[in-house]
Amino acid sequence: MQKVMKIRSMPGAVTIACLLVAMAGSRGAAQEDKPIREVYQAQAMGQGTQLGQNFNVTINIERYATPEERQVLIDAFQQAGSEGLFNSLEKMHSKGRIAITGTLGYDISFVRRIPTDDGYKIRILTNRPIRFGEAWVNGRSTDYNLSALELDLSNEKGKSTGVLLPASQFKINKKTNELEIENFQNPWKLRNIMDRSKE
């Protein structure tokens, strides 16, 4: 049985939570709802109980989220927590797709591109597809119905990194009043990231 883990020690995971849901990081981010075509490929490397496992991930981005959509998510989280995020993401138009090798993948509901000193970050938040068998059993895993991904793309060759959180929920720690991601599995490190957009 998979162990539920709180990820306080993962800077990428914490950053995803803070910058997708909270207000931080919104300045200087060009978020226009215009058609584009960006394609990124990465290798996901397992950690903890998934150590030694790996698979390829392809991210196709067709448009970025608007500031208005970001505000919708902020309001939804403030009102109803992780479930509010899930419901709001369900209503958003697709911004692209994430695909794991050998699968059809699933839609991206929310994606932002944020400039950095050394390149830019891509941050994705979307609903996790829950298969029929998982829904039928209605186990604890169905509470972790969000997926998050971050690519930290560097202008320096070989320096790009990322993290994938395939099954997560967001919550406020009642003791510290801080935003946290609770992950149903260990996070997957993303390596060998390639921008295929110009090919």
C-alpha atoms as a PDB file:
ATOM      1  CA  MET A   1       0.000   0.000   0.000  1.00  0.00           C
ATOM      2  CA  GLN A   2       1.297   3.426  -0.894  1.00  0.00           C
ATOM      3  CA  LYS A   3       2.273   5.709   1.922  1.00  0.00           C
ATOM      4  CA  VAL A   4       0.864   9.199   2.180  1.00  0.00           C
ATOM      5  CA  MET A   5       3.665  11.716   2.415  1.00  0.00           C
ATOM      6  CA  LYS A   6       3.772  15.395   3.243  1.00  0.00           C
ATOM      7  CA  ILE A   7       6.357  17.131   1.114  1.00  0.00           C
ATOM      8  CA  ARG A   8       7.869  19.949   3.124  1.00  0.00           C
ATOM      9  CA  SER A   9      11.438  19.246   2.079  1.00  0.00           C
ATOM     10  CA  MET A  10      10.825  19.444  -1.679  1.00  0.00           C
ATOM     11  CA  PRO A  11      11.440  23.040  -2.827  1.00  0.00           C
ATOM     12  CA  GLY A  12       9.853  22.359  -6.213  1.00  0.00           C
ATOM     13  CA  ALA A  13       6.691  20.958  -4.675  1.00  0.00           C
ATOM     14  CA  VAL A  14       6.314  23.816  -2.223  1.00  0.00           C
ATOM     15  CA  THR A  15       6.942  26.318  -4.998  1.00  0.00           C
ATOM     16  CA  ILE A  16       4.226  24.775  -7.143  1.00  0.00           C
ATOM     17  CA  ALA A  17       1.737  25.130  -4.318  1.00  0.00           C
ATOM     18  CA  CYS A  18       2.681  28.680  -3.441  1.00  0.00           C
ATOM     19  CA  LEU A  19       2.854  30.027  -6.973  1.00  0.00           C
ATOM     20  CA  LEU A  20      -0.178  28.302  -8.429  1.00  0.00           C
ATOM     21  CA  VAL A  21      -2.562  29.000  -5.613  1.00  0.00           C
ATOM     22  CA  ALA A  22      -1.114  31.986  -3.767  1.00  0.00           C
ATOM     23  CA  MET A  23      -0.359  35.408  -5.232  1.00  0.00           C
ATOM     24  CA  ALA A  24       3.441  35.091  -5.341  1.00  0.00           C
ATOM     25  CA  GLY A  25       5.257  35.031  -8.655  1.00  0.00           C
ATOM     26  CA  SER A  26       2.607  36.755 -10.720  1.00  0.00           C
ATOM     27  CA  ARG A  27       4.712  39.751 -11.747  1.00  0.00           C
ATOM     28  CA  GLY A  28       6.467  39.573 -15.073  1.00  0.00           C
ATOM     29  CA  ALA A  29       4.677  36.405 -16.122  1.00  0.00           C
ATOM     30  CA  ALA A  30       3.267  36.767 -19.614  1.00  0.00           C
ATOM     31  CA  GLN A  31      -0.008  34.867 -19.397  1.00  0.00           C
ATOM     32  CA  GLU A  32      -2.057  35.481 -22.511  1.00  0.00           C
ATOM     33  CA  ASP A  33      -4.826  33.224 -23.721  1.00  0.00           C
ATOM     34  CA  LYS A  34      -3.393  33.029 -27.257  1.00  0.00           C
ATOM     35  CA  PRO A  35      -2.729  29.832 -29.224  1.00  0.00           C
ATOM     36  CA  ILE A  36       0.879  28.649 -29.066  1.00  0.00           C
ATOM     37  CA  ARG A  37       2.711  25.378 -29.572  1.00  0.00           C
ATOM     38  CA  GLU A  38       5.269  24.297 -27.022  1.00  0.00           C
ATOM     39  CA  VAL A  39       6.392  20.716 -26.559  1.00  0.00           C
ATOM     40  CA  TYR A  40       8.659  19.473 -23.767  1.00  0.00           C
ATOM     41  CA  GLN A  41       9.946  15.991 -23.074  1.00  0.00           C
ATOM     42  CA  ALA A  42      11.464  14.740 -19.829  1.00  0.00           C
ATOM     43  CA  GLN A  43      12.456  11.543 -18.084  1.00  0.00           C
ATOM     44  CA  ALA A  44      10.734  10.932 -14.731  1.00  0.00           C
ATOM     45  CA  MET A  45      12.970   9.258 -12.161  1.00  0.00           C
ATOM     46  CA  GLY A  46      11.446   7.457  -9.179  1.00  0.00           C
ATOM     47  CA  GLN A  47      12.378   8.159  -5.565  1.00  0.00           C
ATOM     48  CA  GLY A  48      11.741   6.270  -2.335  1.00  0.00           C
ATOM     49  CA  THR A  49       9.489   3.282  -3.038  1.00  0.00           C
ATOM     50  CA  GLN A  50       9.695   4.070  -6.776  1.00  0.00           C
ATOM     51  CA  LEU A  51      13.507   4.200  -6.802  1.00  0.00           C
ATOM     52  CA  GLY A  52      14.881   2.634  -9.983  1.00  0.00           C
ATOM     53  CA  GLN A  53      11.682   3.164 -11.949  1.00  0.00           C
ATOM     54  CA  ASN A  54      11.494   5.679 -14.769  1.00  0.00           C
ATOM     55  CA  PHE A  55       9.279   6.725 -17.647  1.00  0.00           C
ATOM     56  CA  ASN A  56       9.094   9.467 -20.264  1.00  0.00           C
ATOM     57  CA  VAL A  57       6.721  12.418 -20.033  1.00  0.00           C
ATOM     58  CA  THR A  58       5.616  14.655 -22.912  1.00  0.00           C
ATOM     59  CA  ILE A  59       4.011  18.037 -22.207  1.00  0.00           C
ATOM     60  CA  ASN A  60       2.128  19.747 -25.040  1.00  0.00           C
ATOM     61  CA  ILE A  61       1.092  23.332 -24.287  1.00  0.00           C
ATOM     62  CA  GLU A  62      -1.401  25.046 -26.599  1.00  0.00           C
ATOM     63  CA  ARG A  63      -2.102  28.163 -24.526  1.00  0.00           C
ATOM     64  CA  TYR A  64      -1.338  29.625 -21.109  1.00  0.00           C
ATOM     65  CA  ALA A  65      -3.812  30.464 -18.374  1.00  0.00           C
ATOM     66  CA  THR A  66      -5.012  34.035 -17.939  1.00  0.00           C
ATOM     67  CA  PRO A  67      -4.679  36.106 -14.747  1.00  0.00           C
ATOM     68  CA  GLU A  68      -8.459  35.795 -14.400  1.00  0.00           C
ATOM     69  CA  GLU A  69      -8.217  32.005 -14.360  1.00  0.00           C
ATOM     70  CA  ARG A  70      -5.485  32.148 -11.736  1.00  0.00           C
ATOM     71  CA  GLN A  71      -7.716  34.332  -9.579  1.00  0.00           C
ATOM     72  CA  VAL A  72     -10.559  31.838  -9.971  1.00  0.00           C
ATOM     73  CA  LEU A  73      -8.302  29.131  -8.515  1.00  0.00           C
ATOM     74  CA  ILE A  74      -7.161  31.350  -5.652  1.00  0.00           C
ATOM     75  CA  ASP A  75     -10.771  32.153  -4.754  1.00  0.00           C
ATOM     76  CA  ALA A  76     -11.808  28.508  -5.086  1.00  0.00           C
ATOM     77  CA  PHE A  77      -9.033  27.338  -2.779  1.00  0.00           C
ATOM     78  CA  GLN A  78      -9.837  29.981  -0.186  1.00  0.00           C
ATOM     79  CA  GLN A  79     -13.484  28.950  -0.193  1.00  0.00           C
ATOM     80  CA  ALA A  80     -13.283  25.158  -0.435  1.00  0.00           C
ATOM     81  CA  GLY A  81      -9.651  24.035  -0.271  1.00  0.00           C
ATOM     82  CA  SER A  82      -8.379  21.264  -2.522  1.00  0.00           C
ATOM     83  CA  GLU A  83     -11.901  20.241  -3.524  1.00  0.00           C
ATOM     84  CA  GLY A  84     -12.559  23.805  -4.652  1.00  0.00           C
ATOM     85  CA  LEU A  85      -9.474  23.624  -6.874  1.00  0.00           C
ATOM     86  CA  PHE A  86     -10.667  20.334  -8.354  1.00  0.00           C
ATOM     87  CA  ASN A  87     -14.110  21.706  -9.178  1.00  0.00           C
ATOM     88  CA  SER A  88     -12.737  24.899 -10.747  1.00  0.00           C
ATOM     89  CA  LEU A  89     -10.145  23.050 -12.812  1.00  0.00           C
ATOM     90  CA  GLU A  90     -12.908  20.752 -14.078  1.00  0.00           C
ATOM     91  CA  LYS A  91     -14.656  23.762 -15.622  1.00  0.00           C
ATOM     92  CA  MET A  92     -11.583  25.214 -17.367  1.00  0.00           C
ATOM     93  CA  HIS A  93     -10.854  24.680 -21.041  1.00  0.00           C
ATOM     94  CA  SER A  94      -7.917  22.460 -21.910  1.00  0.00           C
ATOM     95  CA  LYS A  95      -4.556  24.223 -22.275  1.00  0.00           C
ATOM     96  CA  GLY A  96      -2.753  21.164 -23.670  1.00  0.00           C
ATOM     97  CA  ARG A  97      -1.928  17.609 -22.632  1.00  0.00           C
ATOM     98  CA  ILE A  98       0.447  15.601 -20.458  1.00  0.00           C
ATOM     99  CA  ALA A  99       1.253  12.122 -21.736  1.00  0.00           C
ATOM    100  CA  ILE A 100       3.267   9.326 -20.167  1.00  0.00           C
ATOM    101  CA  THR A 101       4.856   6.919 -22.638  1.00  0.00           C
ATOM    102  CA  GLY A 102       2.338   4.250 -23.598  1.00  0.00           C
ATOM    103  CA  THR A 103      -0.728   6.253 -22.533  1.00  0.00           C
ATOM    104  CA  LEU A 104      -3.070   8.731 -24.214  1.00  0.00           C
ATOM    105  CA  GLY A 105      -2.409  11.217 -21.427  1.00  0.00           C
ATOM    106  CA  TYR A 106      -4.805  13.774 -20.020  1.00  0.00           C
ATOM    107  CA  ASP A 107      -5.717  17.437 -20.370  1.00  0.00           C
ATOM    108  CA  ILE A 108      -3.866  20.320 -18.738  1.00  0.00           C
ATOM    109  CA  SER A 109      -6.355  22.677 -17.080  1.00  0.00           C
ATOM    110  CA  PHE A 110      -3.977  25.364 -15.794  1.00  0.00           C
ATOM    111  CA  VAL A 111      -0.438  26.259 -16.870  1.00  0.00           C
ATOM    112  CA  ARG A 112       1.778  29.290 -16.309  1.00  0.00           C
ATOM    113  CA  ARG A 113       5.128  30.377 -17.711  1.00  0.00           C
ATOM    114  CA  ILE A 114       7.214  32.475 -15.320  1.00  0.00           C
ATOM    115  CA  PRO A 115      10.515  34.147 -16.317  1.00  0.00           C
ATOM    116  CA  THR A 116      13.567  33.521 -14.145  1.00  0.00           C
ATOM    117  CA  ASP A 117      17.099  34.969 -14.137  1.00  0.00           C
ATOM    118  CA  ASP A 118      18.369  31.875 -15.940  1.00  0.00           C
ATOM    119  CA  GLY A 119      15.423  30.992 -18.195  1.00  0.00           C
ATOM    120  CA  TYR A 120      11.836  30.299 -17.149  1.00  0.00           C
ATOM    121  CA  LYS A 121       9.580  27.955 -15.204  1.00  0.00           C
ATOM    122  CA  ILE A 122       6.528  26.089 -16.444  1.00  0.00           C
ATOM    123  CA  ARG A 123       3.995  25.261 -13.717  1.00  0.00           C
ATOM    124  CA  ILE A 124       1.016  23.001 -14.308  1.00  0.00           C
ATOM    125  CA  LEU A 125      -1.961  22.106 -12.130  1.00  0.00           C
ATOM    126  CA  THR A 126      -4.687  19.794 -13.392  1.00  0.00           C
ATOM    127  CA  ASN A 127      -7.166  17.173 -12.273  1.00  0.00           C
ATOM    128  CA  ARG A 128      -5.885  13.616 -12.078  1.00  0.00           C
ATOM    129  CA  PRO A 129      -7.806  11.037 -14.086  1.00  0.00           C
ATOM    130  CA  ILE A 130      -9.298   8.497 -11.681  1.00  0.00           C
ATOM    131  CA  ARG A 131      -9.890   5.140 -13.319  1.00  0.00           C
ATOM    132  CA  PHE A 132     -13.103   3.195 -12.897  1.00  0.00           C
ATOM    133  CA  GLY A 133     -11.575   0.556 -10.607  1.00  0.00           C
ATOM    134  CA  GLU A 134     -10.137   3.187  -8.287  1.00  0.00           C
ATOM    135  CA  ALA A 135     -13.447   5.062  -8.136  1.00  0.00           C
ATOM    136  CA  TRP A 136     -15.336   1.799  -7.532  1.00  0.00           C
ATOM    137  CA  VAL A 137     -13.217   0.922  -4.502  1.00  0.00           C
ATOM    138  CA  ASN A 138     -13.471   4.562  -3.332  1.00  0.00           C
ATOM    139  CA  GLY A 139     -10.260   4.252  -1.328  1.00  0.00           C
ATOM    140  CA  ARG A 140      -8.153   7.003   0.173  1.00  0.00           C
ATOM    141  CA  SER A 141      -6.313   7.584  -3.110  1.00  0.00           C
ATOM    142  CA  THR A 142      -9.413   9.242  -4.627  1.00  0.00           C
ATOM    143  CA  ASP A 143      -8.903  12.171  -2.222  1.00  0.00           C
ATOM    144  CA  TYR A 144      -5.633  12.895  -4.045  1.00  0.00           C
ATOM    145  CA  ASN A 145      -7.278  14.034  -7.255  1.00  0.00           C
ATOM    146  CA  LEU A 146      -4.851  16.756  -8.402  1.00  0.00           C
ATOM    147  CA  SER A 147      -1.635  16.478 -10.418  1.00  0.00           C
ATOM    148  CA  ALA A 148       1.085  19.141 -10.374  1.00  0.00           C
ATOM    149  CA  LEU A 149       4.226  19.529 -12.460  1.00  0.00           C
ATOM    150  CA  GLU A 150       7.052  22.045 -12.576  1.00  0.00           C
ATOM    151  CA  LEU A 151       9.768  22.460 -15.192  1.00  0.00           C
ATOM    152  CA  ASP A 152      12.666  24.763 -14.292  1.00  0.00           C
ATOM    153  CA  LEU A 153      14.202  25.449 -17.684  1.00  0.00           C
ATOM    154  CA  SER A 154      17.697  26.872 -17.702  1.00  0.00           C
ATOM    155  CA  ASN A 155      19.490  28.619 -20.561  1.00  0.00           C
ATOM    156  CA  GLU A 156      22.554  26.603 -19.576  1.00  0.00           C
ATOM    157  CA  LYS A 157      22.647  23.194 -21.227  1.00  0.00           C
ATOM    158  CA  GLY A 158      22.026  20.267 -18.879  1.00  0.00           C
ATOM    159  CA  LYS A 159      20.869  22.435 -15.965  1.00  0.00           C
ATOM    160  CA  SER A 160      17.095  22.113 -16.432  1.00  0.00           C
ATOM    161  CA  THR A 161      15.216  20.198 -13.739  1.00  0.00           C
ATOM    162  CA  GLY A 162      11.652  19.481 -12.699  1.00  0.00           C
ATOM    163  CA  VAL A 163       9.274  17.594 -10.444  1.00  0.00           C
ATOM    164  CA  LEU A 164       6.038  15.671 -11.053  1.00  0.00           C
ATOM    165  CA  LEU A 165       3.450  15.104  -8.325  1.00  0.00           C
ATOM    166  CA  PRO A 166       0.966  12.698  -9.924  1.00  0.00           C
ATOM    167  CA  ALA A 167      -1.562  12.380  -7.072  1.00  0.00           C
ATOM    168  CA  SER A 168      -1.832  15.258  -4.600  1.00  0.00           C
ATOM    169  CA  GLN A 169      -4.104  17.435  -2.545  1.00  0.00           C
ATOM    170  CA  PHE A 170      -3.552  20.963  -1.249  1.00  0.00           C
ATOM    171  CA  LYS A 171      -4.322  22.056   2.286  1.00  0.00           C
ATOM    172  CA  ILE A 172      -3.571  24.631   4.946  1.00  0.00           C
ATOM    173  CA  ASN A 173      -1.606  23.409   7.956  1.00  0.00           C
ATOM    174  CA  LYS A 174      -3.752  24.419  10.945  1.00  0.00           C
ATOM    175  CA  LYS A 175      -0.717  24.766  13.233  1.00  0.00           C
ATOM    176  CA  THR A 176       1.518  26.862  10.976  1.00  0.00           C
ATOM    177  CA  ASN A 177      -1.208  28.358   8.708  1.00  0.00           C
ATOM    178  CA  GLU A 178       1.031  27.530   5.719  1.00  0.00           C
ATOM    179  CA  LEU A 179       0.047  26.026   2.412  1.00  0.00           C
ATOM    180  CA  GLU A 180       1.182  22.422   1.910  1.00  0.00           C
ATOM    181  CA  ILE A 181       0.945  19.694  -0.688  1.00  0.00           C
ATOM    182  CA  GLU A 182       0.125  16.238   0.583  1.00  0.00           C
ATOM    183  CA  ASN A 183       1.229  13.627  -1.917  1.00  0.00           C
ATOM    184  CA  PHE A 184      -0.098  10.069  -2.188  1.00  0.00           C
ATOM    185  CA  GLN A 185       3.159   8.850  -3.758  1.00  0.00           C
ATOM    186  CA  ASN A 186       6.747  10.007  -3.684  1.00  0.00           C
ATOM    187  CA  PRO A 187       7.454  12.845  -6.121  1.00  0.00           C
ATOM    188  CA  TRP A 188       9.142  12.018  -9.430  1.00  0.00           C
ATOM    189  CA  LYS A 189      12.240  14.006 -10.399  1.00  0.00           C
ATOM    190  CA  LEU A 190      12.275  15.200 -13.993  1.00  0.00           C
ATOM    191  CA  ARG A 191      15.608  15.015 -15.805  1.00  0.00           C
ATOM    192  CA  ASN A 192      16.928  15.207 -19.385  1.00  0.00           C
ATOM    193  CA  ILE A 193      14.381  17.916 -20.182  1.00  0.00           C
ATOM    194  CA  MET A 194      14.223  18.882 -23.856  1.00  0.00           C
ATOM    195  CA  ASP A 195      12.342  21.682 -25.580  1.00  0.00           C
ATOM    196  CA  ARG A 196      10.930  20.184 -28.792  1.00  0.00           C
ATOM    197  CA  SER A 197       8.948  23.287 -29.740  1.00  0.00           C
ATOM    198  CA  LYS A 198      11.252  24.405 -32.536  1.00  0.00           C
ATOM    199  CA  GLU A 199      11.839  21.037 -34.150  1.00  0.00           C
END
